[in-house]
Amino acid sequence: MNKSFAVAAFLLFFAVSAFSQQSNTVSVFVTDLAISNSDIGGAHIDAAYGASFDRMFTDRFSAELSVTSQRFRRRMRTFTGSSEPTSVLVTDRIYPIDANISYHFLNVSRWRPYIGAGLRYVNDTFHGYEGGGRTAFYRPAVQTIDPEISGGITLQFNRVVGLRLDAKQVLGSHRSDVADPELKASAGLSFRF
């Protein structure tokens, strides 16, 4: 699986580099503001933040790679050899990765809408110990790679800085145990170079 992800990333960013209208955009964003403090996948989700890199290959097509840092809290059962099982509240982070290809609608205004499709990868795993003792709790790895669609709009203030509003929706997923929302709406600043 790691080999196919590396091949996809290589193709995503380098295979189309012969096109003439190349430019890069870096964005920083906050996400999940509308569903902040909600319960998903058995976890209590907080608002998240992230960064993305976007490469324009033509006037209309681009590829984007983004990473989000998302905090969650989940109740875990602990077991010891000498006592009853207990419950403990665990706080951890996951880092969903999105890779998308987007189509940009051309217009003469500062508003630049786009739609896209791609994949979202999430590894929701936790290992830990309660306090400083030897009481262990462990949650088996839940890794998902799901198709997603995306869309949004960028309000370009000048040639370099813009305000970006974006939404990504996972399609056909069976991710009931993953602490990652299927719909992610984000707002952030983008910087073109």
N, C-alpha and C. Protein backbone atom coordinates (compact mmCIF):
# COMPACT_ATOMS: atom_id res chain seq x y z
N MET A 1 0.83 -1.18 0.00
CA MET A 1 0.00 0.00 0.00
C MET A 1 0.88 1.25 0.00
N ASN A 2 1.97 1.26 0.76
CA ASN A 2 2.85 2.42 0.80
C ASN A 2 3.51 2.67 -0.55
N LYS A 3 3.82 1.58 -1.27
CA LYS A 3 4.44 1.71 -2.58
C LYS A 3 3.47 2.35 -3.57
N SER A 4 2.21 1.94 -3.55
CA SER A 4 1.23 2.52 -4.47
C SER A 4 0.95 3.98 -4.12
N PHE A 5 0.97 4.34 -2.82
CA PHE A 5 0.78 5.73 -2.41
C PHE A 5 1.95 6.58 -2.92
N ALA A 6 3.17 6.08 -2.83
CA ALA A 6 4.34 6.82 -3.30
C ALA A 6 4.28 7.01 -4.81
N VAL A 7 3.86 5.98 -5.55
CA VAL A 7 3.73 6.09 -7.00
C VAL A 7 2.66 7.12 -7.36
N ALA A 8 1.52 7.10 -6.66
CA ALA A 8 0.46 8.07 -6.93
C ALA A 8 0.93 9.49 -6.65
N ALA A 9 1.66 9.70 -5.55
CA ALA A 9 2.18 11.03 -5.23
C ALA A 9 3.17 11.49 -6.30
N PHE A 10 4.03 10.59 -6.77
CA PHE A 10 4.98 10.93 -7.83
C PHE A 10 4.25 11.37 -9.09
N LEU A 11 3.26 10.58 -9.51
CA LEU A 11 2.50 10.93 -10.70
C LEU A 11 1.72 12.22 -10.52
N LEU A 12 1.20 12.41 -9.34
CA LEU A 12 0.38 13.59 -9.05
C LEU A 12 1.17 14.88 -9.24
N PHE A 13 2.42 14.92 -8.80
CA PHE A 13 3.17 16.16 -8.81
C PHE A 13 4.22 16.30 -9.92
N PHE A 14 4.65 15.21 -10.53
CA PHE A 14 5.74 15.33 -11.47
C PHE A 14 5.44 14.87 -12.89
N ALA A 15 4.45 14.04 -13.10
CA ALA A 15 4.21 13.48 -14.42
C ALA A 15 3.73 14.52 -15.42
N VAL A 16 3.03 15.53 -14.98
CA VAL A 16 2.45 16.51 -15.89
C VAL A 16 3.26 17.81 -15.90
N SER A 17 4.50 17.77 -15.46
CA SER A 17 5.28 18.99 -15.30
C SER A 17 5.66 19.66 -16.62
N ALA A 18 5.35 19.06 -17.75
CA ALA A 18 5.69 19.65 -19.03
C ALA A 18 4.72 20.75 -19.44
N PHE A 19 3.60 20.92 -18.74
CA PHE A 19 2.62 21.95 -19.11
C PHE A 19 3.17 23.34 -18.79
N SER A 20 2.64 24.36 -19.51
CA SER A 20 3.26 25.68 -19.46
C SER A 20 2.82 26.56 -18.29
N GLN A 21 1.60 26.50 -17.82
CA GLN A 21 1.08 27.44 -16.83
C GLN A 21 1.30 26.96 -15.40
N GLN A 22 2.49 26.67 -15.04
CA GLN A 22 2.77 26.14 -13.72
C GLN A 22 2.86 27.26 -12.69
N SER A 23 2.21 27.05 -11.55
CA SER A 23 2.37 27.92 -10.39
C SER A 23 2.08 27.09 -9.16
N ASN A 24 2.56 27.55 -8.03
CA ASN A 24 2.38 26.81 -6.79
C ASN A 24 1.60 27.68 -5.80
N THR A 25 0.83 27.02 -4.93
CA THR A 25 0.09 27.70 -3.88
C THR A 25 0.26 26.92 -2.59
N VAL A 26 0.56 27.63 -1.52
CA VAL A 26 0.60 27.04 -0.19
C VAL A 26 -0.54 27.68 0.60
N SER A 27 -1.32 26.84 1.29
CA SER A 27 -2.44 27.35 2.08
C SER A 27 -2.33 26.85 3.51
N VAL A 28 -2.78 27.68 4.44
CA VAL A 28 -2.95 27.27 5.83
C VAL A 28 -4.43 27.47 6.14
N PHE A 29 -5.02 26.53 6.90
CA PHE A 29 -6.46 26.57 7.07
C PHE A 29 -6.89 26.01 8.42
N VAL A 30 -8.11 26.35 8.80
CA VAL A 30 -8.80 25.71 9.92
C VAL A 30 -9.99 24.97 9.32
N THR A 31 -10.35 23.87 9.95
CA THR A 31 -11.41 23.03 9.40
C THR A 31 -12.32 22.51 10.49
N ASP A 32 -13.45 21.99 10.10
CA ASP A 32 -14.45 21.39 11.00
C ASP A 32 -14.99 22.38 12.01
N LEU A 33 -15.05 23.64 11.64
CA LEU A 33 -15.59 24.63 12.57
C LEU A 33 -17.08 24.43 12.80
N ALA A 34 -17.81 24.02 11.76
CA ALA A 34 -19.26 23.85 11.89
C ALA A 34 -19.62 22.64 12.73
N ILE A 35 -18.76 21.62 12.73
CA ILE A 35 -19.06 20.42 13.51
C ILE A 35 -18.09 20.26 14.67
N SER A 36 -17.52 21.37 15.08
CA SER A 36 -16.58 21.35 16.20
C SER A 36 -17.25 20.75 17.44
N ASN A 37 -16.47 20.00 18.17
CA ASN A 37 -16.95 19.33 19.38
C ASN A 37 -18.10 18.37 19.09
N SER A 38 -17.99 17.59 18.03
CA SER A 38 -19.01 16.59 17.72
C SER A 38 -18.43 15.20 17.95
N ASP A 39 -19.30 14.21 17.96
CA ASP A 39 -18.89 12.82 18.17
C ASP A 39 -18.89 12.08 16.84
N ILE A 40 -17.73 11.53 16.45
CA ILE A 40 -17.58 10.79 15.21
C ILE A 40 -16.68 9.59 15.49
N GLY A 41 -17.08 8.42 15.05
CA GLY A 41 -16.25 7.23 15.22
C GLY A 41 -15.96 6.90 16.67
N GLY A 42 -16.90 7.18 17.56
CA GLY A 42 -16.69 6.91 18.97
C GLY A 42 -15.76 7.89 19.65
N ALA A 43 -15.45 9.01 19.00
CA ALA A 43 -14.52 10.00 19.55
C ALA A 43 -15.17 11.38 19.53
N HIS A 44 -14.73 12.21 20.43
CA HIS A 44 -15.18 13.60 20.52
C HIS A 44 -14.17 14.44 19.74
N ILE A 45 -14.62 15.07 18.64
CA ILE A 45 -13.73 15.76 17.70
C ILE A 45 -13.71 17.25 17.99
N ASP A 46 -12.52 17.85 17.96
CA ASP A 46 -12.36 19.29 18.07
C ASP A 46 -12.07 19.88 16.69
N ALA A 47 -12.10 21.21 16.59
CA ALA A 47 -11.70 21.88 15.36
C ALA A 47 -10.25 21.53 15.04
N ALA A 48 -9.88 21.58 13.77
CA ALA A 48 -8.56 21.16 13.33
C ALA A 48 -7.90 22.27 12.52
N TYR A 49 -6.61 22.09 12.22
CA TYR A 49 -5.88 23.01 11.37
C TYR A 49 -4.99 22.21 10.44
N GLY A 50 -4.54 22.84 9.36
CA GLY A 50 -3.70 22.12 8.42
C GLY A 50 -3.02 23.02 7.42
N ALA A 51 -2.35 22.37 6.47
CA ALA A 51 -1.64 23.07 5.40
C ALA A 51 -1.76 22.25 4.13
N SER A 52 -1.70 22.95 3.00
CA SER A 52 -1.78 22.25 1.72
C SER A 52 -0.81 22.86 0.73
N PHE A 53 -0.44 22.04 -0.25
CA PHE A 53 0.40 22.47 -1.36
C PHE A 53 -0.35 22.16 -2.63
N ASP A 54 -0.50 23.17 -3.50
CA ASP A 54 -1.26 23.02 -4.75
C ASP A 54 -0.35 23.41 -5.91
N ARG A 55 -0.35 22.58 -6.94
CA ARG A 55 0.48 22.84 -8.13
C ARG A 55 -0.42 22.95 -9.34
N MET A 56 -0.43 24.11 -10.01
CA MET A 56 -1.19 24.31 -11.24
C MET A 56 -0.37 23.76 -12.40
N PHE A 57 -0.98 22.86 -13.18
CA PHE A 57 -0.29 22.32 -14.35
C PHE A 57 -0.71 23.03 -15.62
N THR A 58 -1.96 23.46 -15.67
CA THR A 58 -2.48 24.27 -16.78
C THR A 58 -3.34 25.36 -16.17
N ASP A 59 -4.00 26.15 -17.02
CA ASP A 59 -4.91 27.17 -16.51
C ASP A 59 -6.08 26.54 -15.76
N ARG A 60 -6.42 25.31 -16.08
CA ARG A 60 -7.61 24.68 -15.53
C ARG A 60 -7.35 23.53 -14.54
N PHE A 61 -6.21 22.87 -14.60
CA PHE A 61 -5.98 21.67 -13.80
C PHE A 61 -4.86 21.85 -12.79
N SER A 62 -5.10 21.32 -11.58
CA SER A 62 -4.08 21.37 -10.53
C SER A 62 -4.13 20.09 -9.72
N ALA A 63 -3.07 19.86 -8.96
CA ALA A 63 -2.99 18.74 -8.02
C ALA A 63 -2.68 19.33 -6.64
N GLU A 64 -3.32 18.77 -5.62
CA GLU A 64 -3.15 19.28 -4.27
C GLU A 64 -2.88 18.14 -3.29
N LEU A 65 -2.01 18.40 -2.35
CA LEU A 65 -1.73 17.50 -1.24
C LEU A 65 -1.91 18.29 0.04
N SER A 66 -2.77 17.82 0.96
CA SER A 66 -3.00 18.54 2.21
C SER A 66 -2.93 17.59 3.39
N VAL A 67 -2.52 18.14 4.53
CA VAL A 67 -2.43 17.39 5.79
C VAL A 67 -3.14 18.21 6.86
N THR A 68 -3.96 17.53 7.65
CA THR A 68 -4.70 18.18 8.73
C THR A 68 -4.26 17.58 10.06
N SER A 69 -4.14 18.40 11.08
CA SER A 69 -3.87 17.93 12.43
C SER A 69 -5.17 18.06 13.21
N GLN A 70 -5.70 16.92 13.64
CA GLN A 70 -7.03 16.89 14.25
C GLN A 70 -6.98 16.22 15.61
N ARG A 71 -7.40 16.93 16.65
CA ARG A 71 -7.40 16.39 18.01
C ARG A 71 -8.74 15.73 18.31
N PHE A 72 -8.68 14.62 19.05
CA PHE A 72 -9.90 13.96 19.48
C PHE A 72 -9.71 13.38 20.87
N ARG A 73 -10.83 13.13 21.52
CA ARG A 73 -10.85 12.47 22.83
C ARG A 73 -11.75 11.24 22.71
N ARG A 74 -11.30 10.13 23.29
CA ARG A 74 -12.03 8.87 23.18
C ARG A 74 -11.95 8.13 24.52
N ARG A 75 -13.03 7.51 24.94
CA ARG A 75 -13.04 6.65 26.13
C ARG A 75 -12.41 5.31 25.77
N MET A 76 -11.43 4.89 26.58
CA MET A 76 -10.76 3.61 26.36
C MET A 76 -10.91 2.76 27.62
N ARG A 77 -10.97 1.45 27.45
CA ARG A 77 -11.01 0.51 28.58
C ARG A 77 -9.59 0.09 28.90
N THR A 78 -9.26 0.07 30.18
CA THR A 78 -7.93 -0.38 30.61
C THR A 78 -8.08 -1.69 31.38
N PHE A 79 -7.07 -2.52 31.28
CA PHE A 79 -7.08 -3.82 31.93
C PHE A 79 -5.77 -4.01 32.70
N THR A 80 -5.89 -4.54 33.89
CA THR A 80 -4.72 -4.91 34.68
C THR A 80 -4.91 -6.35 35.11
N GLY A 81 -3.85 -6.95 35.54
CA GLY A 81 -3.94 -8.34 35.98
C GLY A 81 -4.61 -8.51 37.32
N SER A 82 -4.73 -7.43 38.09
CA SER A 82 -5.22 -7.58 39.46
C SER A 82 -6.51 -6.80 39.75
N SER A 83 -7.12 -6.16 38.76
CA SER A 83 -8.31 -5.37 39.07
C SER A 83 -9.35 -5.48 37.97
N GLU A 84 -10.48 -4.89 38.24
CA GLU A 84 -11.57 -4.82 37.26
C GLU A 84 -11.17 -3.88 36.12
N PRO A 85 -11.74 -4.06 34.94
CA PRO A 85 -11.49 -3.10 33.86
C PRO A 85 -11.99 -1.71 34.26
N THR A 86 -11.26 -0.70 33.87
CA THR A 86 -11.66 0.68 34.14
C THR A 86 -11.71 1.44 32.82
N SER A 87 -12.28 2.61 32.87
CA SER A 87 -12.39 3.45 31.69
C SER A 87 -11.57 4.70 31.89
N VAL A 88 -10.87 5.16 30.86
CA VAL A 88 -10.05 6.35 30.93
C VAL A 88 -10.30 7.18 29.68
N LEU A 89 -10.26 8.51 29.81
CA LEU A 89 -10.42 9.41 28.68
C LEU A 89 -9.06 9.68 28.07
N VAL A 90 -8.90 9.38 26.79
CA VAL A 90 -7.62 9.50 26.09
C VAL A 90 -7.73 10.63 25.07
N THR A 91 -6.74 11.50 25.03
CA THR A 91 -6.65 12.56 24.03
C THR A 91 -5.51 12.23 23.08
N ASP A 92 -5.77 12.33 21.78
CA ASP A 92 -4.75 12.02 20.79
C ASP A 92 -5.00 12.86 19.54
N ARG A 93 -4.13 12.72 18.54
CA ARG A 93 -4.26 13.42 17.27
C ARG A 93 -4.17 12.42 16.12
N ILE A 94 -4.88 12.74 15.05
CA ILE A 94 -4.68 12.03 13.78
C ILE A 94 -4.31 13.08 12.74
N TYR A 95 -3.73 12.61 11.65
CA TYR A 95 -3.25 13.49 10.59
C TYR A 95 -3.77 12.99 9.24
N PRO A 96 -5.04 13.28 8.92
CA PRO A 96 -5.57 12.87 7.61
C PRO A 96 -4.80 13.54 6.46
N ILE A 97 -4.58 12.78 5.39
CA ILE A 97 -3.87 13.27 4.21
C ILE A 97 -4.84 13.19 3.04
N ASP A 98 -4.98 14.31 2.32
CA ASP A 98 -5.85 14.36 1.13
C ASP A 98 -4.99 14.63 -0.09
N ALA A 99 -5.24 13.87 -1.17
CA ALA A 99 -4.59 14.09 -2.46
C ALA A 99 -5.70 14.24 -3.49
N ASN A 100 -5.76 15.40 -4.15
CA ASN A 100 -6.85 15.70 -5.09
C ASN A 100 -6.33 16.30 -6.39
N ILE A 101 -7.08 16.04 -7.46
CA ILE A 101 -6.91 16.71 -8.74
C ILE A 101 -8.11 17.62 -8.90
N SER A 102 -7.88 18.89 -9.27
CA SER A 102 -8.98 19.86 -9.36
C SER A 102 -9.07 20.48 -10.74
N TYR A 103 -10.31 20.82 -11.10
CA TYR A 103 -10.61 21.55 -12.33
C TYR A 103 -11.02 22.96 -11.91
N HIS A 104 -10.36 23.98 -12.45
CA HIS A 104 -10.62 25.38 -12.10
C HIS A 104 -11.42 26.03 -13.22
N PHE A 105 -12.52 26.69 -12.87
CA PHE A 105 -13.34 27.40 -13.84
C PHE A 105 -12.70 28.75 -14.13
N LEU A 106 -12.48 29.03 -15.41
CA LEU A 106 -11.84 30.29 -15.79
C LEU A 106 -12.86 31.42 -15.80
N ASN A 107 -12.49 32.56 -15.25
CA ASN A 107 -13.30 33.76 -15.32
C ASN A 107 -12.37 34.96 -15.18
N VAL A 108 -12.94 36.16 -15.32
CA VAL A 108 -12.12 37.37 -15.26
C VAL A 108 -12.24 38.08 -13.92
N SER A 109 -12.87 37.45 -12.94
CA SER A 109 -13.03 38.09 -11.64
C SER A 109 -11.98 37.59 -10.65
N ARG A 110 -12.03 38.11 -9.43
CA ARG A 110 -11.13 37.67 -8.37
C ARG A 110 -11.60 36.36 -7.73
N TRP A 111 -12.83 35.95 -8.02
CA TRP A 111 -13.39 34.71 -7.48
C TRP A 111 -12.98 33.56 -8.39
N ARG A 112 -12.37 32.52 -7.82
CA ARG A 112 -11.87 31.39 -8.62
C ARG A 112 -12.44 30.07 -8.09
N PRO A 113 -13.56 29.62 -8.63
CA PRO A 113 -14.17 28.36 -8.18
C PRO A 113 -13.46 27.13 -8.77
N TYR A 114 -13.59 26.01 -8.07
CA TYR A 114 -12.99 24.76 -8.54
C TYR A 114 -13.77 23.56 -7.98
N ILE A 115 -13.65 22.44 -8.67
CA ILE A 115 -14.16 21.15 -8.20
C ILE A 115 -13.05 20.13 -8.38
N GLY A 116 -13.12 19.05 -7.62
CA GLY A 116 -12.06 18.06 -7.73
C GLY A 116 -12.46 16.71 -7.18
N ALA A 117 -11.54 15.77 -7.31
CA ALA A 117 -11.73 14.41 -6.80
C ALA A 117 -10.36 13.87 -6.40
N GLY A 118 -10.38 12.93 -5.46
CA GLY A 118 -9.12 12.36 -5.02
C GLY A 118 -9.32 11.32 -3.95
N LEU A 119 -8.33 11.20 -3.05
CA LEU A 119 -8.33 10.20 -2.00
C LEU A 119 -8.00 10.83 -0.66
N ARG A 120 -8.58 10.25 0.41
CA ARG A 120 -8.24 10.65 1.79
C ARG A 120 -7.69 9.42 2.52
N TYR A 121 -6.51 9.59 3.13
CA TYR A 121 -5.87 8.52 3.91
C TYR A 121 -5.91 8.93 5.38
N VAL A 122 -6.35 8.00 6.24
CA VAL A 122 -6.38 8.24 7.68
C VAL A 122 -5.84 7.00 8.39
N ASN A 123 -4.93 7.21 9.35
CA ASN A 123 -4.43 6.15 10.21
C ASN A 123 -4.82 6.51 11.64
N ASP A 124 -5.85 5.85 12.16
CA ASP A 124 -6.38 6.14 13.49
C ASP A 124 -5.93 5.04 14.44
N THR A 125 -4.75 5.22 15.03
CA THR A 125 -4.15 4.23 15.92
C THR A 125 -3.70 4.93 17.20
N PHE A 126 -3.84 4.25 18.34
CA PHE A 126 -3.37 4.83 19.59
C PHE A 126 -2.74 3.75 20.45
N HIS A 127 -1.58 4.05 21.01
CA HIS A 127 -0.92 3.20 22.00
C HIS A 127 -0.64 4.09 23.20
N GLY A 128 -0.76 3.57 24.40
CA GLY A 128 -0.47 4.42 25.54
C GLY A 128 -0.48 3.69 26.86
N TYR A 129 -0.12 4.40 27.90
CA TYR A 129 -0.12 3.88 29.25
C TYR A 129 -0.82 4.87 30.15
N GLU A 130 -1.54 4.36 31.13
CA GLU A 130 -2.24 5.20 32.09
C GLU A 130 -1.26 5.68 33.15
N GLY A 131 -1.14 7.01 33.28
CA GLY A 131 -0.23 7.56 34.27
C GLY A 131 1.19 7.10 34.03
N GLY A 132 1.93 6.85 35.09
CA GLY A 132 3.29 6.36 34.98
C GLY A 132 3.38 4.86 35.22
N GLY A 133 2.23 4.22 35.41
CA GLY A 133 2.22 2.80 35.74
C GLY A 133 2.32 1.91 34.53
N ARG A 134 2.08 0.65 34.74
CA ARG A 134 2.18 -0.35 33.68
C ARG A 134 0.82 -0.77 33.16
N THR A 135 -0.22 0.01 33.44
CA THR A 135 -1.55 -0.31 32.94
C THR A 135 -1.65 0.14 31.49
N ALA A 136 -1.77 -0.79 30.59
CA ALA A 136 -1.74 -0.46 29.17
C ALA A 136 -3.13 -0.41 28.56
N PHE A 137 -3.31 0.51 27.62
CA PHE A 137 -4.49 0.48 26.78
C PHE A 137 -4.03 0.67 25.34
N TYR A 138 -4.73 0.02 24.46
CA TYR A 138 -4.30 -0.04 23.07
C TYR A 138 -5.54 -0.11 22.19
N ARG A 139 -5.51 0.62 21.10
CA ARG A 139 -6.58 0.54 20.12
C ARG A 139 -5.96 0.05 18.82
N PRO A 140 -6.46 -1.04 18.26
CA PRO A 140 -5.87 -1.56 17.02
C PRO A 140 -5.92 -0.52 15.90
N ALA A 141 -5.02 -0.66 14.95
CA ALA A 141 -4.93 0.28 13.84
C ALA A 141 -6.18 0.23 12.98
N VAL A 142 -6.70 1.40 12.64
CA VAL A 142 -7.78 1.52 11.68
C VAL A 142 -7.26 2.46 10.60
N GLN A 143 -6.91 1.91 9.44
CA GLN A 143 -6.41 2.70 8.33
C GLN A 143 -7.42 2.68 7.21
N THR A 144 -7.69 3.84 6.64
CA THR A 144 -8.63 3.91 5.53
C THR A 144 -8.05 4.74 4.40
N ILE A 145 -8.34 4.35 3.19
CA ILE A 145 -8.09 5.15 1.99
C ILE A 145 -9.42 5.19 1.26
N ASP A 146 -10.03 6.36 1.22
CA ASP A 146 -11.36 6.50 0.67
C ASP A 146 -11.39 7.53 -0.45
N PRO A 147 -12.25 7.31 -1.47
CA PRO A 147 -12.41 8.34 -2.50
C PRO A 147 -13.16 9.54 -1.93
N GLU A 148 -12.87 10.71 -2.46
CA GLU A 148 -13.55 11.91 -2.01
C GLU A 148 -13.74 12.87 -3.18
N ILE A 149 -14.73 13.75 -3.03
CA ILE A 149 -14.91 14.85 -3.96
C ILE A 149 -14.66 16.14 -3.19
N SER A 150 -14.27 17.18 -3.91
CA SER A 150 -13.97 18.45 -3.26
C SER A 150 -14.46 19.59 -4.14
N GLY A 151 -14.65 20.71 -3.51
CA GLY A 151 -15.05 21.90 -4.24
C GLY A 151 -14.82 23.11 -3.36
N GLY A 152 -14.68 24.24 -4.01
CA GLY A 152 -14.47 25.44 -3.23
C GLY A 152 -14.30 26.65 -4.12
N ILE A 153 -13.92 27.72 -3.46
CA ILE A 153 -13.71 28.98 -4.17
C ILE A 153 -12.60 29.74 -3.46
N THR A 154 -11.80 30.44 -4.25
CA THR A 154 -10.75 31.29 -3.71
C THR A 154 -11.04 32.72 -4.11
N LEU A 155 -11.04 33.62 -3.15
CA LEU A 155 -11.13 35.05 -3.42
C LEU A 155 -9.71 35.58 -3.42
N GLN A 156 -9.21 35.92 -4.62
CA GLN A 156 -7.82 36.36 -4.77
C GLN A 156 -7.74 37.85 -4.48
N PHE A 157 -7.10 38.25 -3.37
CA PHE A 157 -6.96 39.66 -3.00
C PHE A 157 -5.99 40.39 -3.93
N ASN A 158 -4.90 39.71 -4.28
CA ASN A 158 -3.91 40.22 -5.22
C ASN A 158 -3.26 39.01 -5.88
N ARG A 159 -2.15 39.19 -6.56
CA ARG A 159 -1.52 38.05 -7.26
C ARG A 159 -1.01 36.98 -6.31
N VAL A 160 -0.77 37.34 -5.03
CA VAL A 160 -0.13 36.42 -4.10
C VAL A 160 -1.09 35.87 -3.05
N VAL A 161 -1.91 36.71 -2.44
CA VAL A 161 -2.71 36.32 -1.27
C VAL A 161 -4.18 36.15 -1.64
N GLY A 162 -4.80 35.07 -1.10
CA GLY A 162 -6.22 34.83 -1.32
C GLY A 162 -6.87 34.21 -0.10
N LEU A 163 -8.19 34.31 -0.05
CA LEU A 163 -8.99 33.65 0.97
C LEU A 163 -9.62 32.43 0.33
N ARG A 164 -9.42 31.26 0.92
CA ARG A 164 -9.89 30.01 0.33
C ARG A 164 -10.95 29.36 1.20
N LEU A 165 -12.08 29.02 0.60
CA LEU A 165 -13.16 28.29 1.26
C LEU A 165 -13.29 26.96 0.52
N ASP A 166 -13.27 25.86 1.26
CA ASP A 166 -13.14 24.54 0.64
C ASP A 166 -14.01 23.52 1.40
N ALA A 167 -14.52 22.53 0.68
CA ALA A 167 -15.24 21.41 1.32
C ALA A 167 -14.81 20.12 0.64
N LYS A 168 -14.65 19.06 1.45
CA LYS A 168 -14.28 17.73 0.95
C LYS A 168 -15.23 16.72 1.56
N GLN A 169 -15.77 15.83 0.73
CA GLN A 169 -16.73 14.82 1.17
C GLN A 169 -16.23 13.43 0.77
N VAL A 170 -16.07 12.55 1.76
CA VAL A 170 -15.69 11.16 1.49
C VAL A 170 -16.90 10.45 0.90
N LEU A 171 -16.67 9.60 -0.11
CA LEU A 171 -17.74 8.87 -0.78
C LEU A 171 -17.72 7.39 -0.41
N GLY A 172 -18.87 6.80 -0.19
CA GLY A 172 -19.00 5.36 -0.02
C GLY A 172 -18.10 4.75 1.03
N SER A 173 -17.98 5.39 2.17
CA SER A 173 -17.07 4.91 3.20
C SER A 173 -17.82 4.11 4.26
N HIS A 174 -17.11 3.18 4.87
CA HIS A 174 -17.61 2.41 6.02
C HIS A 174 -16.66 2.67 7.18
N ARG A 175 -16.52 3.96 7.56
CA ARG A 175 -15.52 4.40 8.52
C ARG A 175 -16.14 4.66 9.88
N SER A 176 -16.95 3.79 10.39
CA SER A 176 -17.64 4.06 11.65
C SER A 176 -16.70 4.13 12.85
N ASP A 177 -15.50 3.55 12.77
CA ASP A 177 -14.56 3.57 13.88
C ASP A 177 -13.48 4.64 13.76
N VAL A 178 -13.49 5.43 12.70
CA VAL A 178 -12.42 6.39 12.46
C VAL A 178 -12.83 7.76 13.00
N ALA A 179 -11.94 8.38 13.76
CA ALA A 179 -12.20 9.70 14.36
C ALA A 179 -11.90 10.80 13.34
N ASP A 180 -12.57 10.74 12.19
CA ASP A 180 -12.36 11.71 11.12
C ASP A 180 -13.70 11.93 10.42
N PRO A 181 -14.21 13.16 10.38
CA PRO A 181 -15.50 13.40 9.74
C PRO A 181 -15.46 13.14 8.24
N GLU A 182 -16.57 12.66 7.69
CA GLU A 182 -16.63 12.41 6.25
C GLU A 182 -16.74 13.70 5.47
N LEU A 183 -17.33 14.74 6.05
CA LEU A 183 -17.42 16.05 5.41
C LEU A 183 -16.52 17.01 6.16
N LYS A 184 -15.61 17.66 5.43
CA LYS A 184 -14.72 18.65 6.03
C LYS A 184 -14.87 19.95 5.28
N ALA A 185 -15.27 20.99 5.99
CA ALA A 185 -15.31 22.33 5.45
C ALA A 185 -14.16 23.12 6.07
N SER A 186 -13.47 23.92 5.26
CA SER A 186 -12.33 24.66 5.79
C SER A 186 -12.29 26.07 5.22
N ALA A 187 -11.61 26.93 5.95
CA ALA A 187 -11.37 28.30 5.52
C ALA A 187 -9.91 28.62 5.84
N GLY A 188 -9.26 29.33 4.93
CA GLY A 188 -7.87 29.65 5.17
C GLY A 188 -7.31 30.67 4.20
N LEU A 189 -6.04 30.97 4.37
CA LEU A 189 -5.32 31.88 3.50
C LEU A 189 -4.44 31.09 2.56
N SER A 190 -4.37 31.55 1.30
CA SER A 190 -3.51 30.89 0.32
C SER A 190 -2.48 31.90 -0.18
N PHE A 191 -1.29 31.39 -0.48
CA PHE A 191 -0.17 32.21 -0.95
C PHE A 191 0.38 31.60 -2.22
N ARG A 192 0.29 32.32 -3.32
CA ARG A 192 0.77 31.84 -4.63
C ARG A 192 2.20 32.31 -4.88
N PHE A 193 2.98 31.44 -5.49
CA PHE A 193 4.34 31.82 -5.91
C PHE A 193 4.71 31.11 -7.18
